[in-house]
N, C-alpha and C. Protein backbone atom coordinates (compact mmCIF):
# COMPACT_ATOMS: atom_id res chain seq x y z
N GLU A 1 0.79 -1.07 0.04
CA GLU A 1 0.01 0.02 0.06
C GLU A 1 0.85 1.35 -0.08
N GLN A 2 0.62 2.10 -1.08
CA GLN A 2 1.42 3.25 -1.01
C GLN A 2 0.94 4.29 0.00
N GLN A 3 1.95 5.04 0.60
CA GLN A 3 1.34 6.22 1.32
C GLN A 3 2.16 7.30 0.91
N LEU A 4 1.42 8.38 0.60
CA LEU A 4 2.00 9.67 0.26
C LEU A 4 1.56 10.64 1.39
N VAL A 5 2.65 11.39 2.00
CA VAL A 5 2.35 12.23 3.04
C VAL A 5 2.81 13.61 2.67
N GLU A 6 2.09 14.66 2.55
CA GLU A 6 2.44 15.88 2.19
C GLU A 6 2.54 16.75 3.57
N SER A 7 3.44 17.83 3.46
CA SER A 7 3.58 18.71 4.50
C SER A 7 4.10 20.10 3.98
N GLY A 8 4.10 21.09 4.83
CA GLY A 8 4.66 22.43 4.48
C GLY A 8 3.55 23.52 3.98
N GLY A 9 2.32 23.20 3.97
CA GLY A 9 1.42 24.16 3.56
C GLY A 9 1.22 25.19 4.62
N GLY A 10 0.36 26.13 4.33
CA GLY A 10 -0.07 27.09 5.28
C GLY A 10 -0.65 28.36 4.74
N LEU A 11 -0.66 29.51 5.40
CA LEU A 11 -1.05 30.82 4.99
C LEU A 11 0.06 31.65 4.69
N VAL A 12 0.00 32.27 3.54
CA VAL A 12 1.11 33.14 3.14
C VAL A 12 0.51 34.40 2.33
N GLN A 13 1.08 35.45 2.44
CA GLN A 13 0.60 36.72 1.64
C GLN A 13 0.93 36.65 0.20
N PRO A 14 0.31 37.25 -0.64
CA PRO A 14 0.60 37.31 -1.96
C PRO A 14 2.11 37.88 -2.19
N GLY A 15 2.83 37.08 -3.10
CA GLY A 15 4.18 37.45 -3.41
C GLY A 15 5.03 36.57 -2.41
N GLY A 16 4.58 35.92 -1.53
CA GLY A 16 5.41 35.13 -0.64
C GLY A 16 5.69 33.75 -1.17
N SER A 17 6.38 33.03 -0.33
CA SER A 17 6.82 31.64 -0.85
C SER A 17 6.44 30.55 0.22
N LEU A 18 6.31 29.41 -0.26
CA LEU A 18 6.13 28.14 0.49
C LEU A 18 7.00 26.99 -0.15
N ARG A 19 7.30 25.98 0.71
CA ARG A 19 7.85 24.74 0.14
C ARG A 19 7.03 23.65 0.64
N LEU A 20 6.40 22.93 -0.30
CA LEU A 20 5.70 21.72 0.02
C LEU A 20 6.67 20.39 -0.06
N SER A 21 6.56 19.52 0.84
CA SER A 21 7.35 18.29 0.81
C SER A 21 6.31 17.14 0.69
N CYS A 22 6.71 15.96 0.13
CA CYS A 22 5.91 14.84 0.10
C CYS A 22 6.91 13.64 0.09
N THR A 23 6.57 12.70 1.19
CA THR A 23 7.37 11.48 1.32
C THR A 23 6.42 10.37 0.94
N LYS A 24 7.30 9.41 0.25
CA LYS A 24 6.68 8.08 -0.16
C LYS A 24 7.63 6.99 -0.08
N SER A 25 7.34 5.95 0.47
CA SER A 25 8.08 4.86 0.51
C SER A 25 8.19 4.08 -0.84
N GLY A 26 9.17 3.30 -1.10
CA GLY A 26 9.20 2.60 -2.41
C GLY A 26 9.59 3.48 -3.64
N PHE A 27 10.30 4.68 -3.28
CA PHE A 27 10.85 5.47 -4.55
C PHE A 27 11.79 4.64 -5.28
N PRO A 28 12.06 4.96 -6.46
CA PRO A 28 11.52 6.13 -7.09
C PRO A 28 10.43 5.76 -8.11
N PHE A 29 9.58 6.79 -8.31
CA PHE A 29 8.49 6.88 -9.16
C PHE A 29 8.46 8.10 -9.84
N TRP A 30 7.92 8.22 -11.10
CA TRP A 30 7.54 9.66 -11.60
C TRP A 30 6.51 10.11 -10.66
N MET A 31 6.68 11.41 -10.43
CA MET A 31 5.88 11.91 -9.32
C MET A 31 5.23 13.33 -9.89
N TYR A 32 4.04 13.69 -9.22
CA TYR A 32 3.17 14.60 -9.76
C TYR A 32 2.69 15.51 -8.52
N TRP A 33 2.41 16.68 -8.76
CA TRP A 33 1.71 17.68 -7.95
C TRP A 33 0.31 17.93 -8.72
N VAL A 34 -0.68 17.89 -7.89
CA VAL A 34 -2.04 18.42 -8.51
C VAL A 34 -2.68 19.26 -7.38
N ARG A 35 -3.61 20.06 -7.71
CA ARG A 35 -4.35 20.87 -6.70
C ARG A 35 -5.72 20.95 -7.09
N GLN A 36 -6.34 21.26 -5.96
CA GLN A 36 -7.85 21.63 -6.09
C GLN A 36 -8.27 22.81 -5.39
N ALA A 37 -8.61 23.89 -6.18
CA ALA A 37 -9.05 25.10 -5.73
C ALA A 37 -10.51 24.99 -5.19
N PRO A 38 -10.98 25.77 -4.25
CA PRO A 38 -12.33 25.79 -3.87
C PRO A 38 -13.40 25.70 -4.88
N GLY A 39 -14.20 24.83 -4.98
CA GLY A 39 -15.27 24.76 -6.09
C GLY A 39 -14.96 24.33 -7.45
N LYS A 40 -13.64 23.81 -7.42
CA LYS A 40 -13.17 23.39 -8.87
C LYS A 40 -12.63 21.99 -8.72
N GLY A 41 -12.37 21.50 -9.89
CA GLY A 41 -11.80 20.08 -10.03
C GLY A 41 -10.24 20.00 -9.85
N LEU A 42 -9.82 18.86 -9.94
CA LEU A 42 -8.37 18.65 -9.68
C LEU A 42 -7.57 19.26 -11.07
N GLU A 43 -6.56 19.88 -10.69
CA GLU A 43 -5.75 20.51 -11.76
C GLU A 43 -4.24 20.08 -11.62
N TRP A 44 -3.69 19.39 -12.69
CA TRP A 44 -2.30 19.03 -12.69
C TRP A 44 -1.50 20.34 -12.63
N VAL A 45 -0.46 20.31 -11.74
CA VAL A 45 0.46 21.45 -11.64
C VAL A 45 1.83 21.11 -12.12
N SER A 46 2.45 19.78 -11.78
CA SER A 46 3.82 19.61 -12.24
C SER A 46 4.14 18.18 -12.23
N THR A 47 5.24 17.86 -12.94
CA THR A 47 5.57 16.52 -13.03
C THR A 47 7.21 16.43 -12.92
N ILE A 48 7.64 15.35 -12.22
CA ILE A 48 9.09 15.09 -12.24
C ILE A 48 9.43 13.69 -12.55
N ASN A 49 10.43 13.54 -13.26
CA ASN A 49 10.84 12.11 -13.63
C ASN A 49 11.62 11.44 -12.58
N LEU A 50 12.19 10.16 -12.78
CA LEU A 50 12.66 9.41 -11.87
C LEU A 50 13.91 9.97 -11.18
N ASP A 51 14.84 10.57 -11.98
CA ASP A 51 16.01 11.09 -11.22
C ASP A 51 16.00 12.51 -11.09
N GLY A 52 14.85 13.27 -11.39
CA GLY A 52 14.77 14.60 -11.21
C GLY A 52 15.37 15.55 -12.32
N SER A 53 15.76 14.88 -13.37
CA SER A 53 16.47 15.53 -14.50
C SER A 53 15.48 16.36 -15.39
N THR A 54 14.21 15.93 -15.34
CA THR A 54 13.20 16.58 -16.25
C THR A 54 11.98 16.87 -15.42
N THR A 55 11.56 18.05 -15.55
CA THR A 55 10.26 18.57 -15.10
C THR A 55 9.44 19.20 -16.02
N ASP A 56 8.14 19.29 -15.59
CA ASP A 56 7.12 20.09 -16.43
C ASP A 56 6.10 20.69 -15.53
N TYR A 57 5.67 21.82 -16.12
CA TYR A 57 4.73 22.77 -15.24
C TYR A 57 3.55 23.09 -16.06
N ALA A 58 2.51 23.24 -15.36
CA ALA A 58 1.33 24.02 -15.95
C ALA A 58 1.66 25.44 -16.20
N ASP A 59 1.16 26.03 -17.23
CA ASP A 59 1.42 27.37 -17.57
C ASP A 59 1.13 28.31 -16.53
N SER A 60 0.10 27.93 -15.68
CA SER A 60 -0.19 28.92 -14.43
C SER A 60 0.79 29.06 -13.56
N VAL A 61 1.82 28.17 -13.39
CA VAL A 61 2.76 28.13 -12.32
C VAL A 61 4.25 28.25 -12.99
N LYS A 62 4.27 28.13 -14.24
CA LYS A 62 5.62 28.01 -14.90
C LYS A 62 6.47 29.31 -14.46
N GLY A 63 7.66 29.13 -14.04
CA GLY A 63 8.53 30.29 -13.72
C GLY A 63 8.46 30.63 -12.35
N ARG A 64 7.48 30.09 -11.68
CA ARG A 64 7.25 30.50 -10.12
C ARG A 64 7.33 29.20 -9.30
N PHE A 65 7.08 28.02 -9.73
CA PHE A 65 7.24 26.90 -8.95
C PHE A 65 8.28 25.99 -9.44
N THR A 66 9.02 25.33 -8.56
CA THR A 66 10.09 24.32 -8.86
C THR A 66 9.95 23.05 -8.28
N PHE A 67 9.93 22.02 -8.98
CA PHE A 67 9.64 20.56 -8.60
C PHE A 67 11.05 19.98 -8.46
N SER A 68 11.32 19.40 -7.31
CA SER A 68 12.65 18.72 -7.11
C SER A 68 12.43 17.39 -6.34
N ARG A 69 13.56 16.58 -6.31
CA ARG A 69 13.36 15.35 -5.55
C ARG A 69 14.79 15.01 -4.89
N ASP A 70 14.62 14.22 -3.85
CA ASP A 70 15.79 13.61 -3.10
C ASP A 70 15.47 12.21 -2.91
N ASN A 71 15.85 11.43 -3.83
CA ASN A 71 15.53 10.01 -3.84
C ASN A 71 16.07 9.42 -2.54
N ALA A 72 17.21 9.79 -2.06
CA ALA A 72 17.81 9.11 -0.84
C ALA A 72 16.96 9.30 0.44
N LYS A 73 16.04 10.43 0.40
CA LYS A 73 15.25 10.58 1.45
C LYS A 73 13.72 10.29 1.06
N ASN A 74 13.57 9.70 -0.13
CA ASN A 74 12.21 9.42 -0.41
C ASN A 74 11.33 10.57 -0.51
N THR A 75 11.73 11.68 -0.81
CA THR A 75 11.00 12.87 -0.77
C THR A 75 11.04 13.71 -2.03
N VAL A 76 9.91 14.30 -2.30
CA VAL A 76 9.91 15.38 -3.45
C VAL A 76 9.50 16.66 -2.84
N TYR A 77 9.78 17.78 -3.55
CA TYR A 77 9.53 19.14 -3.06
C TYR A 77 8.84 19.96 -4.10
N LEU A 78 8.09 21.01 -3.71
CA LEU A 78 7.61 21.80 -4.64
C LEU A 78 7.78 23.17 -3.95
N GLN A 79 8.81 24.00 -4.54
CA GLN A 79 9.13 25.32 -4.16
C GLN A 79 8.27 26.22 -4.77
N MET A 80 7.39 26.95 -4.12
CA MET A 80 6.43 27.83 -4.72
C MET A 80 6.79 29.31 -4.31
N ASN A 81 7.21 30.13 -5.28
CA ASN A 81 7.56 31.52 -5.24
C ASN A 81 6.45 32.39 -5.82
N SER A 82 6.60 33.73 -5.38
CA SER A 82 5.56 34.70 -6.08
C SER A 82 4.20 34.24 -6.07
N LEU A 83 3.77 33.74 -4.86
CA LEU A 83 2.45 33.10 -4.85
C LEU A 83 1.40 34.22 -5.06
N LYS A 84 0.20 33.76 -5.73
CA LYS A 84 -0.83 34.58 -6.03
C LYS A 84 -2.11 34.05 -5.39
N SER A 85 -3.16 34.78 -5.22
CA SER A 85 -4.33 34.47 -4.60
C SER A 85 -5.02 33.20 -5.29
N GLU A 86 -4.80 33.19 -6.65
CA GLU A 86 -5.31 31.92 -7.41
C GLU A 86 -4.49 30.72 -7.15
N ASP A 87 -3.40 30.69 -6.48
CA ASP A 87 -2.82 29.52 -6.00
C ASP A 87 -3.40 28.92 -4.81
N THR A 88 -4.42 29.55 -4.20
CA THR A 88 -4.99 28.94 -3.04
C THR A 88 -5.61 27.72 -3.45
N ALA A 89 -5.32 26.63 -2.72
CA ALA A 89 -6.05 25.24 -3.13
C ALA A 89 -5.38 24.22 -2.18
N LEU A 90 -6.09 23.10 -2.28
CA LEU A 90 -5.53 21.89 -1.53
C LEU A 90 -4.48 21.16 -2.51
N TYR A 91 -3.20 21.04 -2.11
CA TYR A 91 -2.27 20.44 -2.99
C TYR A 91 -1.93 19.00 -2.53
N TYR A 92 -1.88 18.32 -3.52
CA TYR A 92 -1.75 16.77 -3.39
C TYR A 92 -0.42 16.35 -4.28
N CYS A 93 0.33 15.50 -3.56
CA CYS A 93 1.26 14.76 -4.34
C CYS A 93 0.68 13.42 -4.84
N ALA A 94 1.14 13.03 -5.99
CA ALA A 94 0.52 11.82 -6.58
C ALA A 94 1.42 10.99 -7.48
N THR A 95 1.15 9.86 -7.64
CA THR A 95 1.92 8.99 -8.54
C THR A 95 1.30 8.70 -9.94
N ASP A 96 0.29 9.56 -10.20
CA ASP A 96 -0.23 9.63 -11.57
C ASP A 96 -0.61 11.05 -11.91
N PRO A 97 -0.80 11.53 -13.03
CA PRO A 97 -0.97 12.88 -13.36
C PRO A 97 -2.55 13.18 -13.14
N ASN A 98 -3.44 12.31 -13.04
CA ASN A 98 -4.77 12.58 -12.72
C ASN A 98 -5.00 12.79 -11.26
N GLY A 99 -4.19 12.44 -10.46
CA GLY A 99 -4.40 12.45 -9.17
C GLY A 99 -5.09 11.36 -8.45
N ARG A 100 -5.25 10.35 -9.14
CA ARG A 100 -6.04 9.24 -8.66
C ARG A 100 -5.44 8.55 -7.37
N GLN A 101 -4.07 8.48 -7.48
CA GLN A 101 -3.30 7.80 -6.35
C GLN A 101 -2.64 9.09 -5.77
N ARG A 102 -3.25 9.64 -4.78
CA ARG A 102 -2.75 10.83 -4.05
C ARG A 102 -2.70 10.74 -2.63
N GLY A 103 -1.90 11.74 -1.95
CA GLY A 103 -2.03 11.77 -0.54
C GLY A 103 -3.19 12.56 -0.05
N GLN A 104 -3.20 12.83 1.33
CA GLN A 104 -4.28 13.47 1.91
C GLN A 104 -4.44 14.84 1.58
N GLY A 105 -3.47 15.47 1.09
CA GLY A 105 -3.51 16.87 0.68
C GLY A 105 -3.00 17.80 1.74
N ILE A 106 -2.52 18.94 1.43
CA ILE A 106 -2.10 20.04 2.33
C ILE A 106 -2.52 21.30 1.70
N GLN A 107 -3.22 22.09 2.68
CA GLN A 107 -3.84 23.44 2.35
C GLN A 107 -2.71 24.47 2.18
N VAL A 108 -2.90 25.21 1.00
CA VAL A 108 -2.16 26.51 0.77
C VAL A 108 -3.06 27.61 0.54
N THR A 109 -3.00 28.58 1.42
CA THR A 109 -3.81 29.74 1.32
C THR A 109 -3.07 30.94 1.10
N VAL A 110 -3.32 31.75 0.20
CA VAL A 110 -2.57 32.88 -0.35
C VAL A 110 -3.57 34.15 -0.21
N SER A 111 -3.35 34.90 0.82
CA SER A 111 -4.21 36.00 1.25
C SER A 111 -3.50 36.95 2.06
N SER A 112 -3.94 38.22 1.85
CA SER A 112 -3.41 39.33 2.63
C SER A 112 -4.20 39.63 3.81
């Protein structure tokens, strides 16, 4: 049984930064971040390959978010900079891009 555990969310002002972490036993896998804003469906945010050499981002976060991983620690990270109110969402790490196999989620709220 896979377990994905996210951490690092919280409340931040617009323009601020947060770093999300996600641990999972049994690495490595291709990993994904998806998010769900209030009243909306799941949205793919980012992808990282097995060794972290390749990443991809949704246009809405490109240039602001950075996805990285440390396989020795079974952990992936999402560094989020220049946060906007529209980034407010429940963020999940997942082992598929549709978020079907995902963790419990971590809340990120961007508000002044």
